[in-house]
Amino acid sequence: MIRRSVYFVLFLLVVLSSGCIKETYDLQRLSKNDHLSPTMALPAFNGMVSVEDLNVDLNLRFTNLQVLDTIENFLLMDDLGTDNPMKPENFDLFYLDLIINNGFPLKVSIQMSLWDSVNQMVRSTVDASGILEAATVDSKGNVISLTESKTQIKFTKEFLSSIPKSDKIIFQFTFNTTNNGSNYVSLRSEFKIYFKAAVIFKPDIGF
C-alpha cells in the first residue's frame, strides 16, 4: 500500500507539472475500492523529418510498397514492478493526436503488431491507415505544396493489455506515390515533413 501511494504521488507531480487533468475528483470521498481514472493530455510537441543529408534525386512510382521491420518490445516495463499504475497495460485509454504537413509525394500507412514469439502469434495490432497523405504534385511529378493530415493513433485496451505477453513488435509500412501510384513523382533530399503531436491518456489507478 505504501509503495502504491508513493507511485501515485509521483505520478500526480509529473502530470501537474507537464500536462493537464481534464476531470476533478474529491479524494476524501473515494473509498478504498474506487479507481481514479482521469483523462490527461501532455503538452503537444513539434518536430521535423528530412533526408537532406542523403544524395537523393529519383523519379519513380509504386503502389502498396510494403516494408516490414521486427524489433524488441520497447513497451515492456517489467522492472517497474507488477503494481505500478504507469505500466502500459494499466491504461484505460492511450492515443496520439497528430497534425502532419507532408512534403513528400508519398502516402504512408503504418501497422504496429505485438508479436508473441513463444506461441508464434500476433497478440494485437494498431492500424494507422493513411497517417500521411501525399504532397500535391504537378503534371511532371514535382511537389508544389505540402498536404496536411490530421489523425489519431489509438492504442486499445486489448492492445495495451497484450504488451506483457509479447516480446517483439512488428512494424509494417505501406507506401503509395501520389494518386495511388498512378503517376511518376520526384524524390529529392530537400523534402521535409513537419508534425505536431499530443499524447492523450487515461490511467486506471486503484487504491
N, C-alpha and C. Protein backbone atom coordinates (compact mmCIF):
# COMPACT_ATOMS: atom_id res chain seq x y z
N MET A 1 0.84 -1.20 0.00
CA MET A 1 0.00 0.00 0.00
C MET A 1 0.88 1.25 0.00
N ILE A 2 1.99 1.24 0.77
CA ILE A 2 2.88 2.41 0.82
C ILE A 2 3.51 2.65 -0.54
N ARG A 3 4.00 1.55 -1.17
CA ARG A 3 4.64 1.70 -2.47
C ARG A 3 3.67 2.26 -3.49
N ARG A 4 2.42 1.78 -3.51
CA ARG A 4 1.43 2.26 -4.47
C ARG A 4 1.12 3.73 -4.23
N SER A 5 1.06 4.15 -2.96
CA SER A 5 0.80 5.56 -2.67
C SER A 5 1.93 6.44 -3.14
N VAL A 6 3.18 5.98 -2.98
CA VAL A 6 4.33 6.73 -3.44
C VAL A 6 4.28 6.90 -4.95
N TYR A 7 3.99 5.80 -5.67
CA TYR A 7 3.87 5.87 -7.13
C TYR A 7 2.80 6.88 -7.53
N PHE A 8 1.69 6.86 -6.82
CA PHE A 8 0.57 7.74 -7.16
C PHE A 8 0.95 9.21 -6.97
N VAL A 9 1.64 9.52 -5.88
CA VAL A 9 2.07 10.90 -5.63
C VAL A 9 3.04 11.37 -6.70
N LEU A 10 4.03 10.51 -7.03
CA LEU A 10 4.98 10.87 -8.08
C LEU A 10 4.28 11.08 -9.41
N PHE A 11 3.32 10.21 -9.70
CA PHE A 11 2.56 10.32 -10.95
C PHE A 11 1.83 11.66 -11.03
N LEU A 12 1.17 12.08 -9.95
CA LEU A 12 0.44 13.34 -9.95
C LEU A 12 1.39 14.53 -10.12
N LEU A 13 2.58 14.46 -9.49
CA LEU A 13 3.54 15.54 -9.63
C LEU A 13 3.99 15.70 -11.07
N VAL A 14 4.23 14.57 -11.74
CA VAL A 14 4.64 14.63 -13.14
C VAL A 14 3.54 15.24 -14.00
N VAL A 15 2.31 14.77 -13.79
CA VAL A 15 1.19 15.25 -14.60
C VAL A 15 0.91 16.72 -14.37
N LEU A 16 0.91 17.14 -13.11
CA LEU A 16 0.58 18.52 -12.80
C LEU A 16 1.66 19.48 -13.29
N SER A 17 2.89 19.01 -13.39
CA SER A 17 3.96 19.88 -13.84
C SER A 17 4.09 19.91 -15.35
N SER A 18 3.58 18.89 -16.07
CA SER A 18 3.81 18.84 -17.51
C SER A 18 2.54 18.74 -18.34
N GLY A 19 1.42 18.39 -17.75
CA GLY A 19 0.20 18.20 -18.55
C GLY A 19 -0.99 18.83 -17.87
N CYS A 20 -2.16 18.27 -18.13
CA CYS A 20 -3.36 18.81 -17.50
C CYS A 20 -4.32 17.67 -17.22
N ILE A 21 -5.01 17.76 -16.08
CA ILE A 21 -6.05 16.79 -15.73
C ILE A 21 -7.38 17.39 -16.13
N LYS A 22 -8.12 16.67 -16.96
CA LYS A 22 -9.36 17.20 -17.51
C LYS A 22 -10.56 16.98 -16.61
N GLU A 23 -10.41 16.17 -15.56
CA GLU A 23 -11.52 15.93 -14.66
C GLU A 23 -11.02 16.08 -13.23
N THR A 24 -11.90 16.40 -12.30
CA THR A 24 -11.51 16.56 -10.91
C THR A 24 -12.23 15.52 -10.06
N TYR A 25 -11.62 15.17 -8.94
CA TYR A 25 -12.17 14.16 -8.05
C TYR A 25 -12.06 14.64 -6.60
N ASP A 26 -13.04 14.26 -5.81
CA ASP A 26 -12.99 14.52 -4.37
C ASP A 26 -12.26 13.33 -3.73
N LEU A 27 -10.98 13.50 -3.47
CA LEU A 27 -10.17 12.39 -2.97
C LEU A 27 -10.63 11.93 -1.58
N GLN A 28 -11.25 12.85 -0.80
CA GLN A 28 -11.69 12.49 0.54
C GLN A 28 -12.85 11.50 0.51
N ARG A 29 -13.61 11.50 -0.59
CA ARG A 29 -14.81 10.66 -0.67
C ARG A 29 -14.58 9.35 -1.41
N LEU A 30 -13.39 9.15 -1.93
CA LEU A 30 -13.11 7.90 -2.62
C LEU A 30 -12.92 6.77 -1.62
N SER A 31 -13.60 5.66 -1.84
CA SER A 31 -13.42 4.50 -0.98
C SER A 31 -12.18 3.74 -1.43
N LYS A 32 -11.76 2.76 -0.66
CA LYS A 32 -10.56 2.00 -0.99
C LYS A 32 -10.74 1.15 -2.24
N ASN A 33 -11.99 0.92 -2.65
CA ASN A 33 -12.25 0.12 -3.85
C ASN A 33 -12.44 0.97 -5.10
N ASP A 34 -12.44 2.31 -4.93
CA ASP A 34 -12.63 3.19 -6.08
C ASP A 34 -11.34 3.31 -6.89
N HIS A 35 -11.51 3.68 -8.15
CA HIS A 35 -10.37 3.88 -9.03
C HIS A 35 -10.36 5.31 -9.52
N LEU A 36 -9.18 5.89 -9.54
CA LEU A 36 -9.00 7.24 -10.04
C LEU A 36 -8.57 7.15 -11.49
N SER A 37 -9.44 7.54 -12.42
CA SER A 37 -9.16 7.38 -13.85
C SER A 37 -9.40 8.68 -14.61
N PRO A 38 -8.59 9.72 -14.36
CA PRO A 38 -8.76 10.96 -15.12
C PRO A 38 -8.20 10.81 -16.53
N THR A 39 -8.78 11.56 -17.46
CA THR A 39 -8.22 11.64 -18.81
C THR A 39 -7.25 12.81 -18.84
N MET A 40 -6.05 12.58 -19.34
CA MET A 40 -5.00 13.59 -19.26
C MET A 40 -4.38 13.83 -20.63
N ALA A 41 -3.75 14.99 -20.77
CA ALA A 41 -3.09 15.34 -22.02
C ALA A 41 -1.75 15.97 -21.71
N LEU A 42 -0.70 15.45 -22.33
CA LEU A 42 0.62 16.06 -22.21
C LEU A 42 0.72 17.20 -23.22
N PRO A 43 1.59 18.18 -22.96
CA PRO A 43 1.75 19.28 -23.92
C PRO A 43 2.17 18.76 -25.29
N ALA A 44 1.63 19.38 -26.34
CA ALA A 44 1.98 18.97 -27.70
C ALA A 44 3.44 19.31 -28.00
N PHE A 45 4.05 18.50 -28.86
CA PHE A 45 5.43 18.80 -29.27
C PHE A 45 5.51 18.82 -30.79
N ASN A 46 6.47 19.58 -31.29
CA ASN A 46 6.65 19.76 -32.72
C ASN A 46 7.94 19.09 -33.17
N GLY A 47 7.99 18.73 -34.45
CA GLY A 47 9.20 18.13 -34.98
C GLY A 47 9.26 18.24 -36.49
N MET A 48 10.37 17.77 -37.05
CA MET A 48 10.57 17.80 -38.50
C MET A 48 11.37 16.58 -38.92
N VAL A 49 11.02 16.01 -40.06
CA VAL A 49 11.75 14.87 -40.63
C VAL A 49 12.22 15.26 -42.02
N SER A 50 13.50 15.00 -42.32
CA SER A 50 14.01 15.30 -43.66
C SER A 50 15.11 14.30 -44.00
N VAL A 51 15.53 14.29 -45.26
CA VAL A 51 16.63 13.42 -45.71
C VAL A 51 17.69 14.27 -46.40
N GLU A 52 17.90 15.48 -45.89
CA GLU A 52 18.79 16.42 -46.55
C GLU A 52 20.25 15.98 -46.55
N ASP A 53 20.61 15.05 -45.69
CA ASP A 53 21.98 14.55 -45.67
C ASP A 53 22.22 13.45 -46.70
N LEU A 54 21.15 13.01 -47.37
CA LEU A 54 21.29 11.95 -48.38
C LEU A 54 21.30 12.56 -49.77
N ASN A 55 22.07 11.95 -50.66
CA ASN A 55 22.13 12.41 -52.04
C ASN A 55 21.04 11.68 -52.83
N VAL A 56 19.82 12.24 -52.80
CA VAL A 56 18.66 11.58 -53.40
C VAL A 56 18.07 12.48 -54.47
N ASP A 57 17.83 11.95 -55.65
CA ASP A 57 17.12 12.65 -56.71
C ASP A 57 16.57 11.59 -57.66
N LEU A 58 15.33 11.13 -57.38
CA LEU A 58 14.76 9.99 -58.08
C LEU A 58 13.42 10.34 -58.70
N ASN A 59 13.08 9.65 -59.79
CA ASN A 59 11.74 9.69 -60.36
C ASN A 59 11.20 8.27 -60.34
N LEU A 60 10.07 8.07 -59.69
CA LEU A 60 9.56 6.71 -59.54
C LEU A 60 8.07 6.74 -59.24
N ARG A 61 7.47 5.56 -59.27
CA ARG A 61 6.09 5.39 -58.81
C ARG A 61 5.93 3.97 -58.30
N PHE A 62 5.08 3.79 -57.31
CA PHE A 62 4.79 2.45 -56.79
C PHE A 62 3.46 2.46 -56.06
N THR A 63 2.85 1.27 -56.00
CA THR A 63 1.57 1.08 -55.33
C THR A 63 1.71 -0.01 -54.28
N ASN A 64 1.33 0.31 -53.05
CA ASN A 64 1.35 -0.65 -51.93
C ASN A 64 2.72 -1.30 -51.75
N LEU A 65 3.76 -0.48 -51.80
CA LEU A 65 5.10 -0.97 -51.47
C LEU A 65 5.17 -1.16 -49.96
N GLN A 66 5.50 -2.37 -49.52
CA GLN A 66 5.48 -2.68 -48.09
C GLN A 66 6.88 -2.98 -47.56
N VAL A 67 7.14 -2.44 -46.38
CA VAL A 67 8.40 -2.65 -45.69
C VAL A 67 8.09 -3.15 -44.29
N LEU A 68 8.70 -4.27 -43.89
CA LEU A 68 8.48 -4.85 -42.57
C LEU A 68 9.75 -4.75 -41.73
N ASP A 69 9.56 -4.50 -40.44
CA ASP A 69 10.70 -4.47 -39.52
C ASP A 69 10.23 -5.02 -38.18
N THR A 70 11.02 -5.92 -37.60
CA THR A 70 10.70 -6.53 -36.30
C THR A 70 11.75 -6.10 -35.29
N ILE A 71 11.28 -5.57 -34.17
CA ILE A 71 12.20 -5.09 -33.13
C ILE A 71 11.77 -5.66 -31.78
N GLU A 72 12.62 -5.48 -30.78
CA GLU A 72 12.28 -5.88 -29.42
C GLU A 72 11.13 -5.01 -28.91
N ASN A 73 10.30 -5.58 -28.05
CA ASN A 73 9.17 -4.85 -27.50
C ASN A 73 9.66 -3.82 -26.48
N PHE A 74 9.80 -2.57 -26.95
CA PHE A 74 10.30 -1.49 -26.10
C PHE A 74 9.25 -0.99 -25.12
N LEU A 75 8.00 -1.48 -25.24
CA LEU A 75 6.93 -1.05 -24.34
C LEU A 75 6.91 -1.84 -23.03
N LEU A 76 7.65 -2.93 -22.97
CA LEU A 76 7.69 -3.73 -21.75
C LEU A 76 8.35 -2.95 -20.62
N MET A 77 7.73 -3.01 -19.43
CA MET A 77 8.27 -2.30 -18.27
C MET A 77 8.29 -3.21 -17.06
N ASP A 78 8.87 -4.37 -17.20
CA ASP A 78 8.88 -5.35 -16.12
C ASP A 78 9.64 -4.86 -14.90
N ASP A 79 10.63 -3.98 -15.12
CA ASP A 79 11.45 -3.52 -14.00
C ASP A 79 10.73 -2.54 -13.08
N LEU A 80 9.50 -2.11 -13.47
CA LEU A 80 8.76 -1.16 -12.65
C LEU A 80 7.92 -1.83 -11.56
N GLY A 81 7.83 -3.16 -11.61
CA GLY A 81 7.03 -3.85 -10.61
C GLY A 81 5.61 -4.11 -11.08
N THR A 82 5.01 -5.16 -10.56
CA THR A 82 3.69 -5.60 -11.04
C THR A 82 2.57 -4.65 -10.66
N ASP A 83 2.75 -3.84 -9.59
CA ASP A 83 1.67 -2.98 -9.12
C ASP A 83 1.84 -1.53 -9.54
N ASN A 84 2.75 -1.25 -10.45
CA ASN A 84 2.97 0.13 -10.86
C ASN A 84 1.83 0.59 -11.78
N PRO A 85 1.11 1.67 -11.42
CA PRO A 85 -0.03 2.11 -12.23
C PRO A 85 0.36 2.71 -13.57
N MET A 86 1.65 3.02 -13.77
CA MET A 86 2.07 3.67 -15.00
C MET A 86 2.51 2.68 -16.07
N LYS A 87 2.37 1.40 -15.84
CA LYS A 87 2.67 0.41 -16.87
C LYS A 87 1.60 0.50 -17.96
N PRO A 88 1.97 0.30 -19.23
CA PRO A 88 1.01 0.47 -20.33
C PRO A 88 -0.27 -0.33 -20.17
N GLU A 89 -0.17 -1.54 -19.65
CA GLU A 89 -1.36 -2.38 -19.54
C GLU A 89 -2.36 -1.86 -18.49
N ASN A 90 -1.95 -0.88 -17.69
CA ASN A 90 -2.84 -0.30 -16.69
C ASN A 90 -3.56 0.96 -17.17
N PHE A 91 -3.48 1.23 -18.48
CA PHE A 91 -4.17 2.39 -19.04
C PHE A 91 -5.50 1.96 -19.65
N ASP A 92 -6.55 2.74 -19.37
CA ASP A 92 -7.85 2.52 -20.00
C ASP A 92 -7.89 3.12 -21.39
N LEU A 93 -7.08 4.15 -21.61
CA LEU A 93 -7.11 4.88 -22.87
C LEU A 93 -5.73 5.45 -23.14
N PHE A 94 -5.29 5.36 -24.40
CA PHE A 94 -3.99 5.93 -24.76
C PHE A 94 -3.99 6.17 -26.27
N TYR A 95 -3.81 7.41 -26.68
CA TYR A 95 -3.72 7.66 -28.11
C TYR A 95 -2.90 8.91 -28.41
N LEU A 96 -2.45 9.01 -29.67
CA LEU A 96 -1.69 10.16 -30.15
C LEU A 96 -2.57 10.98 -31.08
N ASP A 97 -2.61 12.28 -30.85
CA ASP A 97 -3.23 13.22 -31.77
C ASP A 97 -2.13 13.80 -32.65
N LEU A 98 -2.25 13.66 -33.97
CA LEU A 98 -1.19 14.09 -34.88
C LEU A 98 -1.71 15.07 -35.92
N ILE A 99 -0.93 16.11 -36.16
CA ILE A 99 -1.12 17.00 -37.30
C ILE A 99 0.18 17.00 -38.07
N ILE A 100 0.14 16.54 -39.33
CA ILE A 100 1.36 16.36 -40.10
C ILE A 100 1.23 17.08 -41.44
N ASN A 101 2.25 17.87 -41.77
CA ASN A 101 2.35 18.51 -43.08
C ASN A 101 3.45 17.80 -43.86
N ASN A 102 3.04 17.08 -44.88
CA ASN A 102 3.93 16.19 -45.62
C ASN A 102 4.42 16.85 -46.90
N GLY A 103 5.74 16.95 -47.05
CA GLY A 103 6.34 17.49 -48.25
C GLY A 103 6.82 16.43 -49.21
N PHE A 104 6.61 15.15 -48.87
CA PHE A 104 6.98 14.04 -49.75
C PHE A 104 5.76 13.61 -50.57
N PRO A 105 5.94 13.25 -51.84
CA PRO A 105 4.81 12.77 -52.65
C PRO A 105 4.51 11.30 -52.37
N LEU A 106 4.42 10.97 -51.09
CA LEU A 106 4.20 9.60 -50.66
C LEU A 106 3.07 9.55 -49.64
N LYS A 107 2.12 8.64 -49.84
CA LYS A 107 1.11 8.34 -48.83
C LYS A 107 1.61 7.16 -48.01
N VAL A 108 1.51 7.27 -46.69
CA VAL A 108 2.09 6.25 -45.81
C VAL A 108 1.03 5.73 -44.85
N SER A 109 0.96 4.41 -44.71
CA SER A 109 0.14 3.75 -43.69
C SER A 109 1.05 2.89 -42.82
N ILE A 110 0.68 2.75 -41.55
CA ILE A 110 1.51 2.01 -40.60
C ILE A 110 0.64 1.03 -39.83
N GLN A 111 1.14 -0.20 -39.67
CA GLN A 111 0.56 -1.17 -38.75
C GLN A 111 1.62 -1.53 -37.71
N MET A 112 1.19 -1.58 -36.46
CA MET A 112 2.08 -1.92 -35.36
C MET A 112 1.48 -3.14 -34.65
N SER A 113 2.17 -4.28 -34.72
CA SER A 113 1.64 -5.53 -34.18
C SER A 113 2.51 -6.06 -33.05
N LEU A 114 1.85 -6.50 -31.98
CA LEU A 114 2.55 -7.15 -30.87
C LEU A 114 2.69 -8.63 -31.19
N TRP A 115 3.94 -9.11 -31.20
CA TRP A 115 4.23 -10.48 -31.61
C TRP A 115 4.72 -11.31 -30.42
N ASP A 116 4.06 -12.44 -30.21
CA ASP A 116 4.43 -13.41 -29.18
C ASP A 116 5.22 -14.52 -29.86
N SER A 117 6.55 -14.47 -29.75
CA SER A 117 7.38 -15.45 -30.46
C SER A 117 7.33 -16.83 -29.82
N VAL A 118 6.96 -16.91 -28.55
CA VAL A 118 6.86 -18.21 -27.88
C VAL A 118 5.70 -19.01 -28.47
N ASN A 119 4.56 -18.36 -28.61
CA ASN A 119 3.37 -19.02 -29.16
C ASN A 119 3.18 -18.77 -30.65
N GLN A 120 4.13 -18.02 -31.25
CA GLN A 120 4.10 -17.74 -32.70
C GLN A 120 2.76 -17.15 -33.13
N MET A 121 2.40 -16.01 -32.50
CA MET A 121 1.12 -15.39 -32.83
C MET A 121 1.17 -13.88 -32.62
N VAL A 122 0.35 -13.19 -33.40
CA VAL A 122 0.15 -11.76 -33.21
C VAL A 122 -0.90 -11.56 -32.13
N ARG A 123 -0.54 -10.85 -31.07
CA ARG A 123 -1.47 -10.64 -29.96
C ARG A 123 -2.48 -9.52 -30.24
N SER A 124 -2.01 -8.44 -30.83
CA SER A 124 -2.90 -7.32 -31.12
C SER A 124 -2.21 -6.38 -32.12
N THR A 125 -3.02 -5.63 -32.87
CA THR A 125 -2.48 -4.75 -33.90
C THR A 125 -3.15 -3.38 -33.84
N VAL A 126 -2.35 -2.35 -34.00
CA VAL A 126 -2.84 -0.98 -34.17
C VAL A 126 -2.64 -0.61 -35.63
N ASP A 127 -3.73 -0.16 -36.26
CA ASP A 127 -3.70 0.16 -37.69
C ASP A 127 -3.84 1.67 -37.87
N ALA A 128 -2.78 2.30 -38.39
CA ALA A 128 -2.81 3.74 -38.66
C ALA A 128 -2.81 3.95 -40.17
N SER A 129 -3.93 3.63 -40.80
CA SER A 129 -4.04 3.75 -42.25
C SER A 129 -4.07 5.22 -42.66
N GLY A 130 -3.33 5.55 -43.69
CA GLY A 130 -3.35 6.91 -44.20
C GLY A 130 -2.86 7.94 -43.21
N ILE A 131 -1.87 7.57 -42.36
CA ILE A 131 -1.35 8.52 -41.39
C ILE A 131 -0.71 9.73 -42.07
N LEU A 132 -0.17 9.49 -43.27
CA LEU A 132 0.41 10.57 -44.08
C LEU A 132 -0.24 10.57 -45.45
N GLU A 133 -0.88 11.66 -45.82
CA GLU A 133 -1.36 11.83 -47.18
C GLU A 133 -0.25 12.45 -48.02
N ALA A 134 -0.17 12.08 -49.30
CA ALA A 134 0.92 12.52 -50.16
C ALA A 134 0.83 14.01 -50.46
N ALA A 135 2.00 14.62 -50.67
CA ALA A 135 2.04 16.03 -51.07
C ALA A 135 1.47 16.18 -52.48
N THR A 136 1.00 17.39 -52.78
CA THR A 136 0.43 17.69 -54.10
C THR A 136 1.55 17.88 -55.13
N VAL A 137 1.38 17.30 -56.31
CA VAL A 137 2.41 17.41 -57.35
C VAL A 137 1.79 17.99 -58.62
N ASP A 138 2.67 18.50 -59.50
CA ASP A 138 2.20 18.99 -60.80
C ASP A 138 2.24 17.86 -61.83
N SER A 139 2.01 18.19 -63.09
CA SER A 139 1.94 17.16 -64.14
C SER A 139 3.27 16.46 -64.37
N LYS A 140 4.36 17.07 -63.92
CA LYS A 140 5.69 16.46 -64.09
C LYS A 140 6.14 15.70 -62.84
N GLY A 141 5.27 15.64 -61.84
CA GLY A 141 5.61 14.91 -60.62
C GLY A 141 6.39 15.70 -59.61
N ASN A 142 6.50 17.01 -59.79
CA ASN A 142 7.20 17.86 -58.84
C ASN A 142 6.26 18.35 -57.75
N VAL A 143 6.71 18.32 -56.51
CA VAL A 143 5.89 18.77 -55.39
C VAL A 143 5.64 20.26 -55.50
N ILE A 144 4.37 20.66 -55.40
CA ILE A 144 4.02 22.08 -55.45
C ILE A 144 3.46 22.59 -54.13
N SER A 145 3.01 21.69 -53.25
CA SER A 145 2.54 22.13 -51.94
C SER A 145 2.50 20.96 -50.97
N LEU A 146 2.65 21.28 -49.69
CA LEU A 146 2.54 20.27 -48.64
C LEU A 146 1.08 19.90 -48.44
N THR A 147 0.84 18.69 -47.96
CA THR A 147 -0.52 18.24 -47.63
C THR A 147 -0.62 18.00 -46.14
N GLU A 148 -1.65 18.56 -45.52
CA GLU A 148 -1.85 18.40 -44.08
C GLU A 148 -2.74 17.21 -43.79
N SER A 149 -2.33 16.39 -42.84
CA SER A 149 -3.13 15.24 -42.39
C SER A 149 -3.37 15.38 -40.89
N LYS A 150 -4.60 15.13 -40.46
CA LYS A 150 -4.94 15.09 -39.05
C LYS A 150 -5.45 13.69 -38.72
N THR A 151 -4.82 13.05 -37.78
CA THR A 151 -5.20 11.67 -37.48
C THR A 151 -4.94 11.35 -36.02
N GLN A 152 -5.49 10.23 -35.58
CA GLN A 152 -5.26 9.70 -34.24
C GLN A 152 -4.74 8.27 -34.35
N ILE A 153 -3.76 7.96 -33.54
CA ILE A 153 -3.31 6.57 -33.42
C ILE A 153 -3.80 6.08 -32.06
N LYS A 154 -4.79 5.19 -32.08
CA LYS A 154 -5.42 4.74 -30.84
C LYS A 154 -4.87 3.38 -30.42
N PHE A 155 -4.40 3.33 -29.18
CA PHE A 155 -3.93 2.08 -28.59
C PHE A 155 -5.06 1.57 -27.71
N THR A 156 -5.74 0.52 -28.17
CA THR A 156 -6.91 0.00 -27.48
C THR A 156 -6.52 -0.70 -26.18
N LYS A 157 -7.53 -0.93 -25.33
CA LYS A 157 -7.30 -1.66 -24.09
C LYS A 157 -6.76 -3.06 -24.38
N GLU A 158 -7.28 -3.68 -25.45
CA GLU A 158 -6.79 -5.01 -25.84
C GLU A 158 -5.30 -4.96 -26.19
N PHE A 159 -4.92 -3.94 -26.94
CA PHE A 159 -3.51 -3.80 -27.33
C PHE A 159 -2.64 -3.57 -26.10
N LEU A 160 -3.06 -2.66 -25.21
CA LEU A 160 -2.26 -2.35 -24.03
C LEU A 160 -2.12 -3.55 -23.10
N SER A 161 -3.20 -4.33 -22.95
CA SER A 161 -3.13 -5.50 -22.07
C SER A 161 -2.32 -6.63 -22.67
N SER A 162 -2.06 -6.56 -23.99
CA SER A 162 -1.27 -7.61 -24.66
C SER A 162 0.22 -7.34 -24.62
N ILE A 163 0.62 -6.15 -24.17
CA ILE A 163 2.03 -5.79 -24.14
C ILE A 163 2.87 -6.76 -23.31
N PRO A 164 2.44 -7.14 -22.07
CA PRO A 164 3.28 -8.05 -21.28
C PRO A 164 3.40 -9.46 -21.88
N LYS A 165 2.50 -9.81 -22.81
CA LYS A 165 2.51 -11.16 -23.40
C LYS A 165 3.32 -11.22 -24.70
N SER A 166 3.92 -10.11 -25.09
CA SER A 166 4.60 -10.04 -26.38
C SER A 166 6.04 -9.60 -26.18
N ASP A 167 6.94 -10.25 -26.87
CA ASP A 167 8.36 -9.90 -26.75
C ASP A 167 8.90 -9.15 -27.96
N LYS A 168 8.09 -9.04 -29.03
CA LYS A 168 8.52 -8.35 -30.25
C LYS A 168 7.42 -7.41 -30.72
N ILE A 169 7.82 -6.42 -31.51
CA ILE A 169 6.88 -5.54 -32.20
C ILE A 169 7.21 -5.57 -33.68
N ILE A 170 6.19 -5.80 -34.51
CA ILE A 170 6.36 -5.82 -35.97
C ILE A 170 5.76 -4.54 -36.54
N PHE A 171 6.58 -3.77 -37.24
CA PHE A 171 6.10 -2.58 -37.93
C PHE A 171 5.96 -2.90 -39.42
N GLN A 172 4.81 -2.56 -39.98
CA GLN A 172 4.58 -2.72 -41.41
C GLN A 172 4.24 -1.35 -42.00
N PHE A 173 5.08 -0.88 -42.91
CA PHE A 173 4.89 0.40 -43.58
C PHE A 173 4.42 0.14 -45.00
N THR A 174 3.37 0.84 -45.43
CA THR A 174 2.87 0.73 -46.80
C THR A 174 2.95 2.10 -47.46
N PHE A 175 3.62 2.14 -48.63
CA PHE A 175 3.85 3.39 -49.33
C PHE A 175 3.15 3.41 -50.68
N ASN A 176 2.54 4.54 -51.00
CA ASN A 176 1.97 4.79 -52.32
C ASN A 176 2.40 6.18 -52.77
N THR A 177 2.86 6.30 -54.00
CA THR A 177 3.14 7.63 -54.51
C THR A 177 1.82 8.34 -54.80
N THR A 178 1.89 9.64 -55.06
CA THR A 178 0.69 10.46 -55.26
C THR A 178 -0.25 9.84 -56.28
N ASN A 179 -1.56 10.00 -56.02
CA ASN A 179 -2.61 9.43 -56.86
C ASN A 179 -2.55 7.90 -56.88
N ASN A 180 -2.25 7.33 -55.69
CA ASN A 180 -2.21 5.87 -55.52
C ASN A 180 -1.29 5.17 -56.51
N GLY A 181 -0.16 5.81 -56.77
CA GLY A 181 0.87 5.17 -57.59
C GLY A 181 0.66 5.28 -59.07
N SER A 182 -0.31 6.07 -59.51
CA SER A 182 -0.60 6.15 -60.95
C SER A 182 0.35 7.08 -61.69
N ASN A 183 1.04 7.99 -60.97
CA ASN A 183 1.93 8.96 -61.61
C ASN A 183 3.36 8.80 -61.09
N TYR A 184 4.32 9.11 -61.96
CA TYR A 184 5.70 9.21 -61.51
C TYR A 184 5.88 10.49 -60.70
N VAL A 185 6.68 10.41 -59.66
CA VAL A 185 6.95 11.58 -58.82
C VAL A 185 8.45 11.70 -58.62
N SER A 186 8.87 12.87 -58.18
CA SER A 186 10.28 13.11 -57.89
C SER A 186 10.51 13.05 -56.39
N LEU A 187 11.59 12.42 -55.98
CA LEU A 187 12.02 12.42 -54.58
C LEU A 187 13.34 13.17 -54.49
N ARG A 188 13.37 14.18 -53.65
CA ARG A 188 14.58 14.99 -53.52
C ARG A 188 14.96 15.14 -52.05
N SER A 189 16.22 15.42 -51.83
CA SER A 189 16.76 15.47 -50.47
C SER A 189 16.22 16.64 -49.66
N GLU A 190 15.68 17.68 -50.32
CA GLU A 190 15.20 18.85 -49.57
C GLU A 190 13.78 18.69 -49.06
N PHE A 191 13.10 17.60 -49.42
CA PHE A 191 11.73 17.39 -48.94
C PHE A 191 11.72 17.22 -47.42
N LYS A 192 10.65 17.70 -46.79
CA LYS A 192 10.56 17.64 -45.33
C LYS A 192 9.14 17.29 -44.89
N ILE A 193 9.04 16.79 -43.67
CA ILE A 193 7.76 16.52 -43.00
C ILE A 193 7.76 17.29 -41.69
N TYR A 194 6.72 18.08 -41.47
CA TYR A 194 6.56 18.81 -40.22
C TYR A 194 5.38 18.20 -39.45
N PHE A 195 5.57 17.99 -38.16
CA PHE A 195 4.49 17.36 -37.40
C PHE A 195 4.33 17.99 -36.02
N LYS A 196 3.11 17.87 -35.50
CA LYS A 196 2.78 18.26 -34.14
C LYS A 196 2.02 17.10 -33.52
N ALA A 197 2.42 16.71 -32.34
CA ALA A 197 1.81 15.53 -31.71
C ALA A 197 1.48 15.83 -30.25
N ALA A 198 0.36 15.26 -29.80
CA ALA A 198 -0.05 15.36 -28.40
C ALA A 198 -0.43 13.97 -27.91
N VAL A 199 -0.11 13.69 -26.66
CA VAL A 199 -0.41 12.38 -26.06
C VAL A 199 -1.60 12.53 -25.13
N ILE A 200 -2.65 11.73 -25.37
CA ILE A 200 -3.83 11.71 -24.52
C ILE A 200 -3.92 10.34 -23.86
N PHE A 201 -4.11 10.32 -22.55
CA PHE A 201 -4.13 9.03 -21.87
C PHE A 201 -5.03 9.07 -20.63
N LYS A 202 -5.47 7.88 -20.24
CA LYS A 202 -6.36 7.74 -19.08
C LYS A 202 -5.92 6.51 -18.29
N PRO A 203 -5.15 6.71 -17.23
CA PRO A 203 -4.71 5.57 -16.42
C PRO A 203 -5.80 5.09 -15.47
N ASP A 204 -5.76 3.82 -15.14
CA ASP A 204 -6.68 3.26 -14.14
C ASP A 204 -5.86 3.01 -12.90
N ILE A 205 -5.97 3.92 -11.94
CA ILE A 205 -5.15 3.86 -10.74
C ILE A 205 -6.01 3.40 -9.58
N GLY A 206 -5.75 2.21 -9.07
CA GLY A 206 -6.54 1.69 -7.96
C GLY A 206 -5.86 1.95 -6.63
N PHE A 207 -6.66 2.03 -5.61
CA PHE A 207 -6.14 2.25 -4.25
C PHE A 207 -6.25 0.96 -3.45
